[in-house]
Amino acid sequence: MDAEELTRHELGAFLRRKRAAANRAEYGLPPVGRSRVSGLRREEIAFLSGVSVTWYTWLEQGRSIRPSRQVLDAVAVGLRLTQAEHDYVLGIAGFAPLPAAGSAAPDEVPAHVQHLLDAVDPAPAFALNGRWDICAWNSSYERLFPAVSAAHAEERNLLSFVFTHPAVRAMLPDWEVTSRRFLAEYRAETGTRAGGPEHVRLIARLRQESEDFARAWDDHEVVRFASRRRSFLHPVDGEVSYEQIALAPQDAPELRIIAYLPARS
């Protein structure tokens, strides 16, 4: 399956999931049949979007059709997608700018980015590239997560740590919530790269290594990053809490800096 087929398949699966999860009562529609199904039917979403049932069915099936941005906007409105989900649909269909070639995962982190990470110490901080590889960190982050320095460079992926590393999982008292939130944020950021080989390899590997990941990935949740309180059960320091924030350097936009600041009471 080539990249274009993969993105069509992903778009169709995402739309099917959102349609099935729709609440008919919120649309003023009665339940369907004896099973009292809550999701919308294809003909209903097609009507709301102003397209034929056949065309919408092909869209969900991943057929080789090229929907316009206006049609995808109408489908997003009909499904009442969040802004993050709407952006994801547009991105995966090719209506968001692709990242510059070679910029998603630089070989070296700029010195000033490492300087910034070191400057915010003792607040734990690290840098993620477009694949969510942890490519730089400060000493406090290494103290919080010793696994980051022990792992080989190709294994330092945030999703991989969260879903496959027992020590990391043990540190997260809200692992179920946190892991799914990370995955939904990752999905929101990577719509334009859904058919790319690095993304495909990562998802395939994690699906094989983690049943929890496979189930969460198939739920197609999409949310934007939001600053929030994070708690960890550190093996030495006990329970510690931080406020997680994210920054994007203007001169290195392919990177995101994540910092854990002291939690406000």
C-alpha atoms as a PDB file:
ATOM      1  CA  MET A   1       0.000   0.000   0.000  1.00  0.00           C
ATOM      2  CA  ASP A   2       1.560   3.314  -1.063  1.00  0.00           C
ATOM      3  CA  ALA A   3       1.460   6.608   0.852  1.00  0.00           C
ATOM      4  CA  GLU A   4      -1.624   7.917  -0.947  1.00  0.00           C
ATOM      5  CA  GLU A   5      -3.559   4.722  -0.235  1.00  0.00           C
ATOM      6  CA  LEU A   6      -2.512   4.859   3.416  1.00  0.00           C
ATOM      7  CA  THR A   7      -3.772   8.409   3.838  1.00  0.00           C
ATOM      8  CA  ARG A   8      -7.080   7.598   2.133  1.00  0.00           C
ATOM      9  CA  HIS A   9      -7.473   4.589   4.431  1.00  0.00           C
ATOM     10  CA  GLU A  10      -6.684   6.681   7.505  1.00  0.00           C
ATOM     11  CA  LEU A  11      -9.139   9.407   6.495  1.00  0.00           C
ATOM     12  CA  GLY A  12     -11.905   6.870   5.857  1.00  0.00           C
ATOM     13  CA  ALA A  13     -11.308   5.085   9.162  1.00  0.00           C
ATOM     14  CA  PHE A  14     -11.333   8.378  11.039  1.00  0.00           C
ATOM     15  CA  LEU A  15     -14.627   9.503   9.458  1.00  0.00           C
ATOM     16  CA  ARG A  16     -16.261   6.126  10.151  1.00  0.00           C
ATOM     17  CA  ARG A  17     -15.212   6.310  13.801  1.00  0.00           C
ATOM     18  CA  LYS A  18     -16.548   9.851  14.229  1.00  0.00           C
ATOM     19  CA  ARG A  19     -19.812   9.041  12.463  1.00  0.00           C
ATOM     20  CA  ALA A  20     -20.361   5.947  14.603  1.00  0.00           C
ATOM     21  CA  ALA A  21     -19.666   7.958  17.766  1.00  0.00           C
ATOM     22  CA  ALA A  22     -22.097  10.763  16.901  1.00  0.00           C
ATOM     23  CA  ASN A  23     -25.070  11.190  19.239  1.00  0.00           C
ATOM     24  CA  ARG A  24     -28.273  11.087  17.214  1.00  0.00           C
ATOM     25  CA  ALA A  25     -30.198  12.873  19.937  1.00  0.00           C
ATOM     26  CA  GLU A  26     -27.921  15.915  19.535  1.00  0.00           C
ATOM     27  CA  TYR A  27     -29.003  16.087  15.894  1.00  0.00           C
ATOM     28  CA  GLY A  28     -32.673  15.782  16.804  1.00  0.00           C
ATOM     29  CA  LEU A  29     -32.794  12.285  15.288  1.00  0.00           C
ATOM     30  CA  PRO A  30     -34.430   9.185  16.807  1.00  0.00           C
ATOM     31  CA  PRO A  31     -32.502   5.951  17.556  1.00  0.00           C
ATOM     32  CA  VAL A  32     -32.108   3.496  14.681  1.00  0.00           C
ATOM     33  CA  GLY A  33     -34.017   0.218  14.891  1.00  0.00           C
ATOM     34  CA  ARG A  34     -34.289  -2.128  17.831  1.00  0.00           C
ATOM     35  CA  SER A  35     -30.590  -1.842  18.650  1.00  0.00           C
ATOM     36  CA  ARG A  36     -31.122   1.893  19.299  1.00  0.00           C
ATOM     37  CA  VAL A  37     -27.849   2.750  17.580  1.00  0.00           C
ATOM     38  CA  SER A  38     -26.701   6.265  18.429  1.00  0.00           C
ATOM     39  CA  GLY A  39     -24.382   6.896  15.470  1.00  0.00           C
ATOM     40  CA  LEU A  40     -25.352   8.600  12.225  1.00  0.00           C
ATOM     41  CA  ARG A  41     -26.020   6.723   9.017  1.00  0.00           C
ATOM     42  CA  ARG A  42     -23.977   7.442   5.928  1.00  0.00           C
ATOM     43  CA  GLU A  43     -26.972   8.894   4.108  1.00  0.00           C
ATOM     44  CA  GLU A  44     -27.560  11.292   6.983  1.00  0.00           C
ATOM     45  CA  ILE A  45     -24.019  12.652   7.022  1.00  0.00           C
ATOM     46  CA  ALA A  46     -24.074  12.795   3.206  1.00  0.00           C
ATOM     47  CA  PHE A  47     -27.236  14.913   3.342  1.00  0.00           C
ATOM     48  CA  LEU A  48     -25.744  17.224   5.976  1.00  0.00           C
ATOM     49  CA  SER A  49     -22.602  17.614   3.862  1.00  0.00           C
ATOM     50  CA  GLY A  50     -24.397  18.193   0.558  1.00  0.00           C
ATOM     51  CA  VAL A  51     -22.881  15.187  -1.256  1.00  0.00           C
ATOM     52  CA  SER A  52     -24.280  11.952  -2.634  1.00  0.00           C
ATOM     53  CA  VAL A  53     -24.450   8.856  -0.457  1.00  0.00           C
ATOM     54  CA  THR A  54     -22.339   6.945  -2.981  1.00  0.00           C
ATOM     55  CA  TRP A  55     -19.598   9.596  -2.951  1.00  0.00           C
ATOM     56  CA  TYR A  56     -19.529   9.761   0.857  1.00  0.00           C
ATOM     57  CA  THR A  57     -19.434   5.953   1.036  1.00  0.00           C
ATOM     58  CA  TRP A  58     -16.409   5.953  -1.253  1.00  0.00           C
ATOM     59  CA  LEU A  59     -14.755   8.544   0.978  1.00  0.00           C
ATOM     60  CA  GLU A  60     -15.148   6.305   4.027  1.00  0.00           C
ATOM     61  CA  GLN A  61     -13.995   3.282   2.041  1.00  0.00           C
ATOM     62  CA  GLY A  62     -10.765   5.018   1.037  1.00  0.00           C
ATOM     63  CA  ARG A  63     -11.578   4.934  -2.680  1.00  0.00           C
ATOM     64  CA  SER A  64      -9.372   6.835  -5.120  1.00  0.00           C
ATOM     65  CA  ILE A  65     -11.332  10.098  -5.113  1.00  0.00           C
ATOM     66  CA  ARG A  66     -10.076  13.618  -4.475  1.00  0.00           C
ATOM     67  CA  PRO A  67     -12.462  15.536  -2.198  1.00  0.00           C
ATOM     68  CA  SER A  68     -12.287  19.319  -2.352  1.00  0.00           C
ATOM     69  CA  ARG A  69     -11.506  21.385   0.707  1.00  0.00           C
ATOM     70  CA  GLN A  70     -15.050  22.759   0.648  1.00  0.00           C
ATOM     71  CA  VAL A  71     -16.508  19.244   0.798  1.00  0.00           C
ATOM     72  CA  LEU A  72     -14.204  18.229   3.647  1.00  0.00           C
ATOM     73  CA  ASP A  73     -15.160  21.414   5.492  1.00  0.00           C
ATOM     74  CA  ALA A  74     -18.824  20.501   5.058  1.00  0.00           C
ATOM     75  CA  VAL A  75     -18.224  16.929   6.302  1.00  0.00           C
ATOM     76  CA  ALA A  76     -16.327  18.290   9.314  1.00  0.00           C
ATOM     77  CA  VAL A  77     -19.201  20.621  10.149  1.00  0.00           C
ATOM     78  CA  GLY A  78     -21.747  17.850   9.651  1.00  0.00           C
ATOM     79  CA  LEU A  79     -19.828  15.555  11.996  1.00  0.00           C
ATOM     80  CA  ARG A  80     -19.326  18.440  14.445  1.00  0.00           C
ATOM     81  CA  LEU A  81     -15.602  17.869  14.591  1.00  0.00           C
ATOM     82  CA  THR A  82     -13.454  19.874  16.963  1.00  0.00           C
ATOM     83  CA  GLN A  83     -11.042  22.360  15.425  1.00  0.00           C
ATOM     84  CA  ALA A  84      -8.168  19.946  15.991  1.00  0.00           C
ATOM     85  CA  GLU A  85     -10.106  17.123  14.293  1.00  0.00           C
ATOM     86  CA  HIS A  86     -11.099  19.427  11.426  1.00  0.00           C
ATOM     87  CA  ASP A  87      -7.464  20.461  10.911  1.00  0.00           C
ATOM     88  CA  TYR A  88      -6.450  16.801  11.019  1.00  0.00           C
ATOM     89  CA  VAL A  89      -8.924  15.906   8.255  1.00  0.00           C
ATOM     90  CA  LEU A  90      -7.665  18.771   6.086  1.00  0.00           C
ATOM     91  CA  GLY A  91      -4.040  17.869   6.752  1.00  0.00           C
ATOM     92  CA  ILE A  92      -4.415  14.210   5.929  1.00  0.00           C
ATOM     93  CA  ALA A  93      -6.205  15.130   2.679  1.00  0.00           C
ATOM     94  CA  GLY A  94      -3.320  17.380   1.671  1.00  0.00           C
ATOM     95  CA  PHE A  95      -4.808  20.792   2.423  1.00  0.00           C
ATOM     96  CA  ALA A  96      -2.275  21.751   5.095  1.00  0.00           C
ATOM     97  CA  PRO A  97       1.298  22.654   4.175  1.00  0.00           C
ATOM     98  CA  LEU A  98       3.709  19.738   4.397  1.00  0.00           C
ATOM     99  CA  PRO A  99       6.759  20.173   6.627  1.00  0.00           C
ATOM    100  CA  ALA A 100       9.860  21.288   4.770  1.00  0.00           C
ATOM    101  CA  ALA A 101      11.882  18.381   3.426  1.00  0.00           C
ATOM    102  CA  GLY A 102      14.302  17.099   6.000  1.00  0.00           C
ATOM    103  CA  SER A 103      13.114  19.469   8.725  1.00  0.00           C
ATOM    104  CA  ALA A 104      10.932  17.126  10.729  1.00  0.00           C
ATOM    105  CA  ALA A 105      13.832  15.397  12.435  1.00  0.00           C
ATOM    106  CA  PRO A 106      17.131  17.316  12.321  1.00  0.00           C
ATOM    107  CA  ASP A 107      20.314  15.319  12.853  1.00  0.00           C
ATOM    108  CA  GLU A 108      21.563  17.822  15.425  1.00  0.00           C
ATOM    109  CA  VAL A 109      19.684  20.047  17.846  1.00  0.00           C
ATOM    110  CA  PRO A 110      20.793  23.703  17.526  1.00  0.00           C
ATOM    111  CA  ALA A 111      23.123  24.750  20.315  1.00  0.00           C
ATOM    112  CA  HIS A 112      20.801  27.541  21.428  1.00  0.00           C
ATOM    113  CA  VAL A 113      17.985  25.027  21.978  1.00  0.00           C
ATOM    114  CA  GLN A 114      20.184  22.963  24.289  1.00  0.00           C
ATOM    115  CA  HIS A 115      21.214  26.223  25.985  1.00  0.00           C
ATOM    116  CA  LEU A 116      17.563  27.018  26.647  1.00  0.00           C
ATOM    117  CA  LEU A 117      16.936  23.544  28.083  1.00  0.00           C
ATOM    118  CA  ASP A 118      19.906  23.939  30.404  1.00  0.00           C
ATOM    119  CA  ALA A 119      18.846  27.461  31.381  1.00  0.00           C
ATOM    120  CA  VAL A 120      15.447  26.357  32.705  1.00  0.00           C
ATOM    121  CA  ASP A 121      17.067  23.712  34.935  1.00  0.00           C
ATOM    122  CA  PRO A 122      16.054  22.706  37.647  1.00  0.00           C
ATOM    123  CA  ALA A 123      12.767  22.498  35.743  1.00  0.00           C
ATOM    124  CA  PRO A 124      12.840  19.261  33.723  1.00  0.00           C
ATOM    125  CA  ALA A 125      12.729  20.045  30.004  1.00  0.00           C
ATOM    126  CA  PHE A 126      13.258  18.240  26.712  1.00  0.00           C
ATOM    127  CA  ALA A 127      12.898  18.773  22.963  1.00  0.00           C
ATOM    128  CA  LEU A 128      10.768  16.732  20.571  1.00  0.00           C
ATOM    129  CA  ASN A 129      11.125  16.583  16.801  1.00  0.00           C
ATOM    130  CA  GLY A 130       8.341  15.966  14.294  1.00  0.00           C
ATOM    131  CA  ARG A 131       8.402  12.207  14.928  1.00  0.00           C
ATOM    132  CA  TRP A 132       8.168  12.793  18.685  1.00  0.00           C
ATOM    133  CA  ASP A 133      11.711  11.576  19.182  1.00  0.00           C
ATOM    134  CA  ILE A 134      13.271  13.031  22.330  1.00  0.00           C
ATOM    135  CA  CYS A 135      16.346  14.633  20.791  1.00  0.00           C
ATOM    136  CA  ALA A 136      17.641  16.832  23.655  1.00  0.00           C
ATOM    137  CA  TRP A 137      17.051  17.244  27.388  1.00  0.00           C
ATOM    138  CA  ASN A 138      18.491  18.784  30.537  1.00  0.00           C
ATOM    139  CA  SER A 139      19.875  17.131  33.665  1.00  0.00           C
ATOM    140  CA  SER A 140      16.628  17.469  35.650  1.00  0.00           C
ATOM    141  CA  TYR A 141      14.698  15.654  32.943  1.00  0.00           C
ATOM    142  CA  GLU A 142      17.306  12.896  32.983  1.00  0.00           C
ATOM    143  CA  ARG A 143      16.875  12.617  36.741  1.00  0.00           C
ATOM    144  CA  LEU A 144      13.098  12.393  36.303  1.00  0.00           C
ATOM    145  CA  PHE A 145      13.361   9.846  33.455  1.00  0.00           C
ATOM    146  CA  PRO A 146      16.748   8.051  33.574  1.00  0.00           C
ATOM    147  CA  ALA A 147      15.579   5.849  30.706  1.00  0.00           C
ATOM    148  CA  VAL A 148      16.092   8.702  28.257  1.00  0.00           C
ATOM    149  CA  SER A 149      19.881   8.566  28.488  1.00  0.00           C
ATOM    150  CA  ALA A 150      20.057   4.771  28.760  1.00  0.00           C
ATOM    151  CA  ALA A 151      18.122   4.198  25.521  1.00  0.00           C
ATOM    152  CA  HIS A 152      19.668   4.131  22.075  1.00  0.00           C
ATOM    153  CA  ALA A 153      18.938   7.220  19.954  1.00  0.00           C
ATOM    154  CA  GLU A 154      16.507   5.349  17.691  1.00  0.00           C
ATOM    155  CA  GLU A 155      14.530   4.200  20.748  1.00  0.00           C
ATOM    156  CA  ARG A 156      14.078   7.658  22.296  1.00  0.00           C
ATOM    157  CA  ASN A 157      10.536   8.178  21.095  1.00  0.00           C
ATOM    158  CA  LEU A 158       8.003   9.600  23.532  1.00  0.00           C
ATOM    159  CA  LEU A 159       5.152   7.350  22.379  1.00  0.00           C
ATOM    160  CA  SER A 160       7.422   4.319  22.531  1.00  0.00           C
ATOM    161  CA  PHE A 161       8.494   5.174  26.084  1.00  0.00           C
ATOM    162  CA  VAL A 162       4.913   5.713  27.257  1.00  0.00           C
ATOM    163  CA  PHE A 163       3.460   2.556  25.704  1.00  0.00           C
ATOM    164  CA  THR A 164       6.324   0.055  25.918  1.00  0.00           C
ATOM    165  CA  HIS A 165       8.654   1.020  28.784  1.00  0.00           C
ATOM    166  CA  PRO A 166       7.518  -0.520  32.122  1.00  0.00           C
ATOM    167  CA  ALA A 167       9.474   1.959  34.289  1.00  0.00           C
ATOM    168  CA  VAL A 168       7.902   4.937  32.537  1.00  0.00           C
ATOM    169  CA  ARG A 169       4.441   3.434  32.806  1.00  0.00           C
ATOM    170  CA  ALA A 170       4.944   2.808  36.526  1.00  0.00           C
ATOM    171  CA  MET A 171       5.746   6.489  37.024  1.00  0.00           C
ATOM    172  CA  LEU A 172       2.414   7.666  35.606  1.00  0.00           C
ATOM    173  CA  PRO A 173      -0.424   7.313  38.138  1.00  0.00           C
ATOM    174  CA  ASP A 174      -2.869   8.374  35.400  1.00  0.00           C
ATOM    175  CA  TRP A 175      -1.270   6.261  32.684  1.00  0.00           C
ATOM    176  CA  GLU A 176      -4.517   5.371  30.917  1.00  0.00           C
ATOM    177  CA  VAL A 177      -5.518   9.027  30.560  1.00  0.00           C
ATOM    178  CA  THR A 178      -2.019  10.347  29.842  1.00  0.00           C
ATOM    179  CA  SER A 179      -1.120   7.732  27.231  1.00  0.00           C
ATOM    180  CA  ARG A 180      -4.301   8.295  25.246  1.00  0.00           C
ATOM    181  CA  ARG A 181      -3.917  12.066  25.511  1.00  0.00           C
ATOM    182  CA  PHE A 182      -0.369  11.892  24.145  1.00  0.00           C
ATOM    183  CA  LEU A 183      -1.533   9.722  21.270  1.00  0.00           C
ATOM    184  CA  ALA A 184      -4.395  12.083  20.401  1.00  0.00           C
ATOM    185  CA  GLU A 185      -1.978  15.041  20.414  1.00  0.00           C
ATOM    186  CA  TYR A 186       0.498  13.148  18.251  1.00  0.00           C
ATOM    187  CA  ARG A 187      -2.243  12.356  15.767  1.00  0.00           C
ATOM    188  CA  ALA A 188      -3.317  15.998  15.604  1.00  0.00           C
ATOM    189  CA  GLU A 189       0.244  17.040  14.751  1.00  0.00           C
ATOM    190  CA  THR A 190       1.053  14.379  12.175  1.00  0.00           C
ATOM    191  CA  GLY A 191      -1.922  14.366   9.802  1.00  0.00           C
ATOM    192  CA  THR A 192       0.188  15.677   6.926  1.00  0.00           C
ATOM    193  CA  ARG A 193       2.730  12.889   7.450  1.00  0.00           C
ATOM    194  CA  ALA A 194       0.255  10.014   7.858  1.00  0.00           C
ATOM    195  CA  GLY A 195       1.550   8.234   4.762  1.00  0.00           C
ATOM    196  CA  GLY A 196       5.226   8.939   5.400  1.00  0.00           C
ATOM    197  CA  PRO A 197       7.541   5.937   5.874  1.00  0.00           C
ATOM    198  CA  GLU A 198       8.855   6.995   9.307  1.00  0.00           C
ATOM    199  CA  HIS A 199       5.335   7.499  10.677  1.00  0.00           C
ATOM    200  CA  VAL A 200       4.140   4.211   9.168  1.00  0.00           C
ATOM    201  CA  ARG A 201       7.085   2.286  10.638  1.00  0.00           C
ATOM    202  CA  LEU A 202       6.552   3.811  14.084  1.00  0.00           C
ATOM    203  CA  ILE A 203       2.836   3.014  14.162  1.00  0.00           C
ATOM    204  CA  ALA A 204       3.376  -0.516  12.842  1.00  0.00           C
ATOM    205  CA  ARG A 205       6.048  -1.211  15.459  1.00  0.00           C
ATOM    206  CA  LEU A 206       3.996   0.139  18.352  1.00  0.00           C
ATOM    207  CA  ARG A 207       0.882  -1.748  17.233  1.00  0.00           C
ATOM    208  CA  GLN A 208       2.942  -4.939  17.331  1.00  0.00           C
ATOM    209  CA  GLU A 209       4.613  -4.200  20.673  1.00  0.00           C
ATOM    210  CA  SER A 210       1.621  -2.820  22.604  1.00  0.00           C
ATOM    211  CA  GLU A 211      -1.987  -4.004  22.566  1.00  0.00           C
ATOM    212  CA  ASP A 212      -2.892  -0.858  24.528  1.00  0.00           C
ATOM    213  CA  PHE A 213      -1.421   1.268  21.762  1.00  0.00           C
ATOM    214  CA  ALA A 214      -3.278  -0.658  19.050  1.00  0.00           C
ATOM    215  CA  ARG A 215      -6.612  -0.195  20.811  1.00  0.00           C
ATOM    216  CA  ALA A 216      -6.019   3.504  21.452  1.00  0.00           C
ATOM    217  CA  TRP A 217      -4.806   4.143  17.900  1.00  0.00           C
ATOM    218  CA  ASP A 218      -7.926   2.542  16.458  1.00  0.00           C
ATOM    219  CA  ASP A 219     -10.096   4.954  18.468  1.00  0.00           C
ATOM    220  CA  HIS A 220      -8.862   7.831  16.265  1.00  0.00           C
ATOM    221  CA  GLU A 221      -8.884  10.462  18.995  1.00  0.00           C
ATOM    222  CA  VAL A 222      -7.497  13.869  17.968  1.00  0.00           C
ATOM    223  CA  VAL A 223      -6.856  16.789  20.333  1.00  0.00           C
ATOM    224  CA  ARG A 224      -4.522  19.766  20.356  1.00  0.00           C
ATOM    225  CA  PHE A 225      -1.791  20.169  22.922  1.00  0.00           C
ATOM    226  CA  ALA A 226      -2.858  21.982  26.089  1.00  0.00           C
ATOM    227  CA  SER A 227      -0.810  22.977  29.106  1.00  0.00           C
ATOM    228  CA  ARG A 228      -1.858  20.932  32.106  1.00  0.00           C
ATOM    229  CA  ARG A 229      -0.799  19.569  35.466  1.00  0.00           C
ATOM    230  CA  ARG A 230       1.325  16.425  35.356  1.00  0.00           C
ATOM    231  CA  SER A 231       2.080  14.111  38.284  1.00  0.00           C
ATOM    232  CA  PHE A 232       4.767  11.431  38.489  1.00  0.00           C
ATOM    233  CA  LEU A 233       5.635   8.701  40.974  1.00  0.00           C
ATOM    234  CA  HIS A 234       9.411   9.001  41.064  1.00  0.00           C
ATOM    235  CA  PRO A 235      11.270   5.995  42.559  1.00  0.00           C
ATOM    236  CA  VAL A 236      13.477   8.316  44.675  1.00  0.00           C
ATOM    237  CA  ASP A 237      11.605  11.611  45.051  1.00  0.00           C
ATOM    238  CA  GLY A 238       8.125  10.142  45.511  1.00  0.00           C
ATOM    239  CA  GLU A 239       5.123  11.918  44.003  1.00  0.00           C
ATOM    240  CA  VAL A 240       6.058  15.123  42.173  1.00  0.00           C
ATOM    241  CA  SER A 241       3.785  17.493  40.257  1.00  0.00           C
ATOM    242  CA  TYR A 242       4.480  19.991  37.512  1.00  0.00           C
ATOM    243  CA  GLU A 243       2.714  22.270  35.077  1.00  0.00           C
ATOM    244  CA  GLN A 244       3.531  21.090  31.565  1.00  0.00           C
ATOM    245  CA  ILE A 245       3.993  23.771  28.900  1.00  0.00           C
ATOM    246  CA  ALA A 246       5.237  23.695  25.309  1.00  0.00           C
ATOM    247  CA  LEU A 247       7.271  26.186  23.282  1.00  0.00           C
ATOM    248  CA  ALA A 248       8.261  26.223  19.603  1.00  0.00           C
ATOM    249  CA  PRO A 249      11.464  28.117  18.695  1.00  0.00           C
ATOM    250  CA  GLN A 250      10.792  30.365  15.700  1.00  0.00           C
ATOM    251  CA  ASP A 251      14.180  29.543  14.202  1.00  0.00           C
ATOM    252  CA  ALA A 252      13.703  25.792  14.745  1.00  0.00           C
ATOM    253  CA  PRO A 253       9.942  25.323  14.176  1.00  0.00           C
ATOM    254  CA  GLU A 254      10.343  21.586  13.607  1.00  0.00           C
ATOM    255  CA  LEU A 255      11.144  21.238  17.312  1.00  0.00           C
ATOM    256  CA  ARG A 256       8.909  21.551  20.334  1.00  0.00           C
ATOM    257  CA  ILE A 257      10.321  22.246  23.772  1.00  0.00           C
ATOM    258  CA  ILE A 258       8.394  20.703  26.658  1.00  0.00           C
ATOM    259  CA  ALA A 259       9.101  22.062  30.132  1.00  0.00           C
ATOM    260  CA  TYR A 260       7.785  20.892  33.502  1.00  0.00           C
ATOM    261  CA  LEU A 261       7.438  23.958  35.732  1.00  0.00           C
ATOM    262  CA  PRO A 262       6.697  23.807  39.472  1.00  0.00           C
ATOM    263  CA  ALA A 263       2.978  23.234  39.888  1.00  0.00           C
ATOM    264  CA  ARG A 264       0.993  26.156  41.245  1.00  0.00           C
ATOM    265  CA  SER A 265      -1.055  25.433  44.324  1.00  0.00           C
END
